[in-house]
């Protein structure tokens, strides 16, 4: 979505925000103004964002911290090793988290790019 974000982050954001939802449309407009402030140190790839809020409008979400987009991860073998969650705070993208439900399959943001199944 934007060259300033790492490929795994940009690809996963593009996939989870690829709906007709007005909230997702507003969040997509924020992506060109995002940068990654930090990454999780465990290696999963979870990314914490910095956003210049003077450049974009907030999405119409509930106040506080909200899961604004989510997608299950489904492997080629039909296993469900985890999910990806896009969080907002006050209507602004705040972080992209990858969650593992499996001890047998390594779940990272890079792997999630291939296993995304967005929820409606």
C-alpha atoms as a PDB file:
ATOM      1  CA  UNK A   1       0.000   0.000   0.000  1.00  0.00           C
ATOM      2  CA  UNK A   2       2.841   2.335   0.760  1.00  0.00           C
ATOM      3  CA  UNK A   3       6.580   2.203   0.211  1.00  0.00           C
ATOM      4  CA  UNK A   4       7.312   3.583   3.690  1.00  0.00           C
ATOM      5  CA  UNK A   5       6.013   0.420   5.383  1.00  0.00           C
ATOM      6  CA  UNK A   6       7.769  -2.950   5.386  1.00  0.00           C
ATOM      7  CA  UNK A   7       6.272  -5.292   2.773  1.00  0.00           C
ATOM      8  CA  UNK A   8       4.756  -7.695   5.312  1.00  0.00           C
ATOM      9  CA  UNK A   9       2.958  -4.856   7.112  1.00  0.00           C
ATOM     10  CA  UNK A  10       1.772  -3.163   3.908  1.00  0.00           C
ATOM     11  CA  UNK A  11       0.504  -6.424   2.400  1.00  0.00           C
ATOM     12  CA  UNK A  12      -1.377  -7.536   5.515  1.00  0.00           C
ATOM     13  CA  UNK A  13      -2.941  -4.101   6.030  1.00  0.00           C
ATOM     14  CA  UNK A  14      -4.037  -4.065   2.380  1.00  0.00           C
ATOM     15  CA  UNK A  15      -5.667  -7.468   2.801  1.00  0.00           C
ATOM     16  CA  UNK A  16      -7.486  -6.840   6.087  1.00  0.00           C
ATOM     17  CA  UNK A  17      -8.696  -3.390   5.042  1.00  0.00           C
ATOM     18  CA  UNK A  18      -9.863  -4.560   1.601  1.00  0.00           C
ATOM     19  CA  UNK A  19     -13.610  -4.359   2.218  1.00  0.00           C
ATOM     20  CA  UNK A  20     -16.360  -1.944   1.287  1.00  0.00           C
ATOM     21  CA  UNK A  21     -16.684  -0.809   4.891  1.00  0.00           C
ATOM     22  CA  UNK A  22     -16.602   2.994   5.321  1.00  0.00           C
ATOM     23  CA  UNK A  23     -14.401   2.478   8.406  1.00  0.00           C
ATOM     24  CA  UNK A  24     -11.915   0.434   6.367  1.00  0.00           C
ATOM     25  CA  UNK A  25     -11.960   3.074   3.609  1.00  0.00           C
ATOM     26  CA  UNK A  26     -11.070   5.759   6.165  1.00  0.00           C
ATOM     27  CA  UNK A  27      -8.297   3.565   7.566  1.00  0.00           C
ATOM     28  CA  UNK A  28      -6.901   2.925   4.067  1.00  0.00           C
ATOM     29  CA  UNK A  29      -6.547   6.715   3.676  1.00  0.00           C
ATOM     30  CA  UNK A  30      -4.346   6.723   6.802  1.00  0.00           C
ATOM     31  CA  UNK A  31      -1.891   4.100   5.499  1.00  0.00           C
ATOM     32  CA  UNK A  32       0.243   6.475   3.356  1.00  0.00           C
ATOM     33  CA  UNK A  33       0.868   8.509   6.527  1.00  0.00           C
ATOM     34  CA  UNK A  34       1.877   5.535   8.704  1.00  0.00           C
ATOM     35  CA  UNK A  35       5.324   4.507   9.782  1.00  0.00           C
ATOM     36  CA  UNK A  36       6.370   1.615  11.971  1.00  0.00           C
ATOM     37  CA  UNK A  37       7.432   2.927  15.376  1.00  0.00           C
ATOM     38  CA  UNK A  38       8.393  -0.503  16.785  1.00  0.00           C
ATOM     39  CA  UNK A  39       8.111  -4.240  16.145  1.00  0.00           C
ATOM     40  CA  UNK A  40       7.486  -6.993  18.667  1.00  0.00           C
ATOM     41  CA  UNK A  41      10.779  -8.426  19.884  1.00  0.00           C
ATOM     42  CA  UNK A  42       9.609 -12.072  19.823  1.00  0.00           C
ATOM     43  CA  UNK A  43       9.879 -12.221  16.005  1.00  0.00           C
ATOM     44  CA  UNK A  44       6.149 -12.495  15.245  1.00  0.00           C
ATOM     45  CA  UNK A  45       6.185  -9.278  13.242  1.00  0.00           C
ATOM     46  CA  UNK A  46       3.532  -7.368  15.177  1.00  0.00           C
ATOM     47  CA  UNK A  47       3.973  -3.696  14.242  1.00  0.00           C
ATOM     48  CA  UNK A  48       3.225  -0.566  16.281  1.00  0.00           C
ATOM     49  CA  UNK A  49       2.496   2.542  14.239  1.00  0.00           C
ATOM     50  CA  UNK A  50       3.216   6.207  14.311  1.00  0.00           C
ATOM     51  CA  UNK A  51       0.766   8.388  12.384  1.00  0.00           C
ATOM     52  CA  UNK A  52       0.684  12.095  11.632  1.00  0.00           C
ATOM     53  CA  UNK A  53      -2.928  12.693  12.648  1.00  0.00           C
ATOM     54  CA  UNK A  54      -2.848  16.234  11.269  1.00  0.00           C
ATOM     55  CA  UNK A  55      -2.788  14.737   7.763  1.00  0.00           C
ATOM     56  CA  UNK A  56      -5.882  12.487   7.990  1.00  0.00           C
ATOM     57  CA  UNK A  57      -9.321  12.225   9.532  1.00  0.00           C
ATOM     58  CA  UNK A  58     -10.095   9.553  12.121  1.00  0.00           C
ATOM     59  CA  UNK A  59     -12.252   6.591  11.115  1.00  0.00           C
ATOM     60  CA  UNK A  60     -15.677   6.461  12.702  1.00  0.00           C
ATOM     61  CA  UNK A  61     -14.970   3.787  15.318  1.00  0.00           C
ATOM     62  CA  UNK A  62     -15.974   3.498  18.931  1.00  0.00           C
ATOM     63  CA  UNK A  63     -13.857   5.635  21.255  1.00  0.00           C
ATOM     64  CA  UNK A  64     -10.766   4.140  22.818  1.00  0.00           C
ATOM     65  CA  UNK A  65      -8.972   1.058  21.518  1.00  0.00           C
ATOM     66  CA  UNK A  66     -10.900  -0.980  18.936  1.00  0.00           C
ATOM     67  CA  UNK A  67     -10.207  -4.009  16.759  1.00  0.00           C
ATOM     68  CA  UNK A  68     -11.119  -2.351  13.454  1.00  0.00           C
ATOM     69  CA  UNK A  69     -10.208  -5.252  11.153  1.00  0.00           C
ATOM     70  CA  UNK A  70      -9.403  -8.908  11.614  1.00  0.00           C
ATOM     71  CA  UNK A  71      -8.607 -11.942   9.535  1.00  0.00           C
ATOM     72  CA  UNK A  72      -8.166 -15.609  10.308  1.00  0.00           C
ATOM     73  CA  UNK A  73      -5.080 -17.387   9.049  1.00  0.00           C
ATOM     74  CA  UNK A  74      -5.686 -20.603   7.116  1.00  0.00           C
ATOM     75  CA  UNK A  75      -2.786 -22.707   5.836  1.00  0.00           C
ATOM     76  CA  UNK A  76      -2.751 -24.588   2.550  1.00  0.00           C
ATOM     77  CA  UNK A  77      -3.416 -27.748   4.611  1.00  0.00           C
ATOM     78  CA  UNK A  78      -6.611 -26.211   6.027  1.00  0.00           C
ATOM     79  CA  UNK A  79      -5.219 -25.559   9.498  1.00  0.00           C
ATOM     80  CA  UNK A  80      -6.099 -22.414  11.465  1.00  0.00           C
ATOM     81  CA  UNK A  81      -2.887 -21.364  13.219  1.00  0.00           C
ATOM     82  CA  UNK A  82      -3.916 -17.832  14.232  1.00  0.00           C
ATOM     83  CA  UNK A  83      -5.293 -14.446  13.265  1.00  0.00           C
ATOM     84  CA  UNK A  84      -4.312 -10.885  12.441  1.00  0.00           C
ATOM     85  CA  UNK A  85      -5.902  -7.896  14.184  1.00  0.00           C
ATOM     86  CA  UNK A  86      -5.671  -4.214  13.184  1.00  0.00           C
ATOM     87  CA  UNK A  87      -6.220  -1.948  16.179  1.00  0.00           C
ATOM     88  CA  UNK A  88      -7.237   1.689  16.237  1.00  0.00           C
ATOM     89  CA  UNK A  89      -7.123   4.218  19.042  1.00  0.00           C
ATOM     90  CA  UNK A  90      -9.511   7.129  18.690  1.00  0.00           C
ATOM     91  CA  UNK A  91     -10.160   6.189  15.053  1.00  0.00           C
ATOM     92  CA  UNK A  92      -6.484   6.107  14.029  1.00  0.00           C
ATOM     93  CA  UNK A  93      -4.495   2.992  13.099  1.00  0.00           C
ATOM     94  CA  UNK A  94      -2.377   2.093  16.097  1.00  0.00           C
ATOM     95  CA  UNK A  95      -0.942  -1.402  15.634  1.00  0.00           C
ATOM     96  CA  UNK A  96      -1.160  -4.594  13.604  1.00  0.00           C
ATOM     97  CA  UNK A  97      -0.950  -7.754  15.676  1.00  0.00           C
ATOM     98  CA  UNK A  98      -0.443 -11.351  14.636  1.00  0.00           C
ATOM     99  CA  UNK A  99      -1.706 -13.946  17.123  1.00  0.00           C
ATOM    100  CA  UNK A 100      -0.749 -17.613  17.201  1.00  0.00           C
ATOM    101  CA  UNK A 101      -3.160 -20.374  18.230  1.00  0.00           C
ATOM    102  CA  UNK A 102      -0.747 -23.175  17.388  1.00  0.00           C
ATOM    103  CA  UNK A 103       2.347 -24.639  18.978  1.00  0.00           C
ATOM    104  CA  UNK A 104       3.080 -26.596  15.801  1.00  0.00           C
ATOM    105  CA  UNK A 105       3.022 -23.842  13.139  1.00  0.00           C
ATOM    106  CA  UNK A 106       5.163 -20.723  13.309  1.00  0.00           C
ATOM    107  CA  UNK A 107       2.858 -17.747  12.908  1.00  0.00           C
ATOM    108  CA  UNK A 108       4.442 -14.475  11.817  1.00  0.00           C
ATOM    109  CA  UNK A 109       3.215 -11.411   9.992  1.00  0.00           C
ATOM    110  CA  UNK A 110       5.300 -12.456   6.981  1.00  0.00           C
ATOM    111  CA  UNK A 111       3.595 -15.894   6.903  1.00  0.00           C
ATOM    112  CA  UNK A 112       0.197 -14.277   7.437  1.00  0.00           C
ATOM    113  CA  UNK A 113       0.517 -12.604   4.025  1.00  0.00           C
ATOM    114  CA  UNK A 114      -0.160 -16.029   2.460  1.00  0.00           C
ATOM    115  CA  UNK A 115      -2.794 -17.340   4.889  1.00  0.00           C
ATOM    116  CA  UNK A 116      -5.255 -14.452   5.276  1.00  0.00           C
ATOM    117  CA  UNK A 117      -8.982 -15.127   5.276  1.00  0.00           C
ATOM    118  CA  UNK A 118     -10.647 -11.726   5.964  1.00  0.00           C
ATOM    119  CA  UNK A 119     -13.817 -11.791   8.040  1.00  0.00           C
ATOM    120  CA  UNK A 120     -16.885  -9.949   6.839  1.00  0.00           C
END
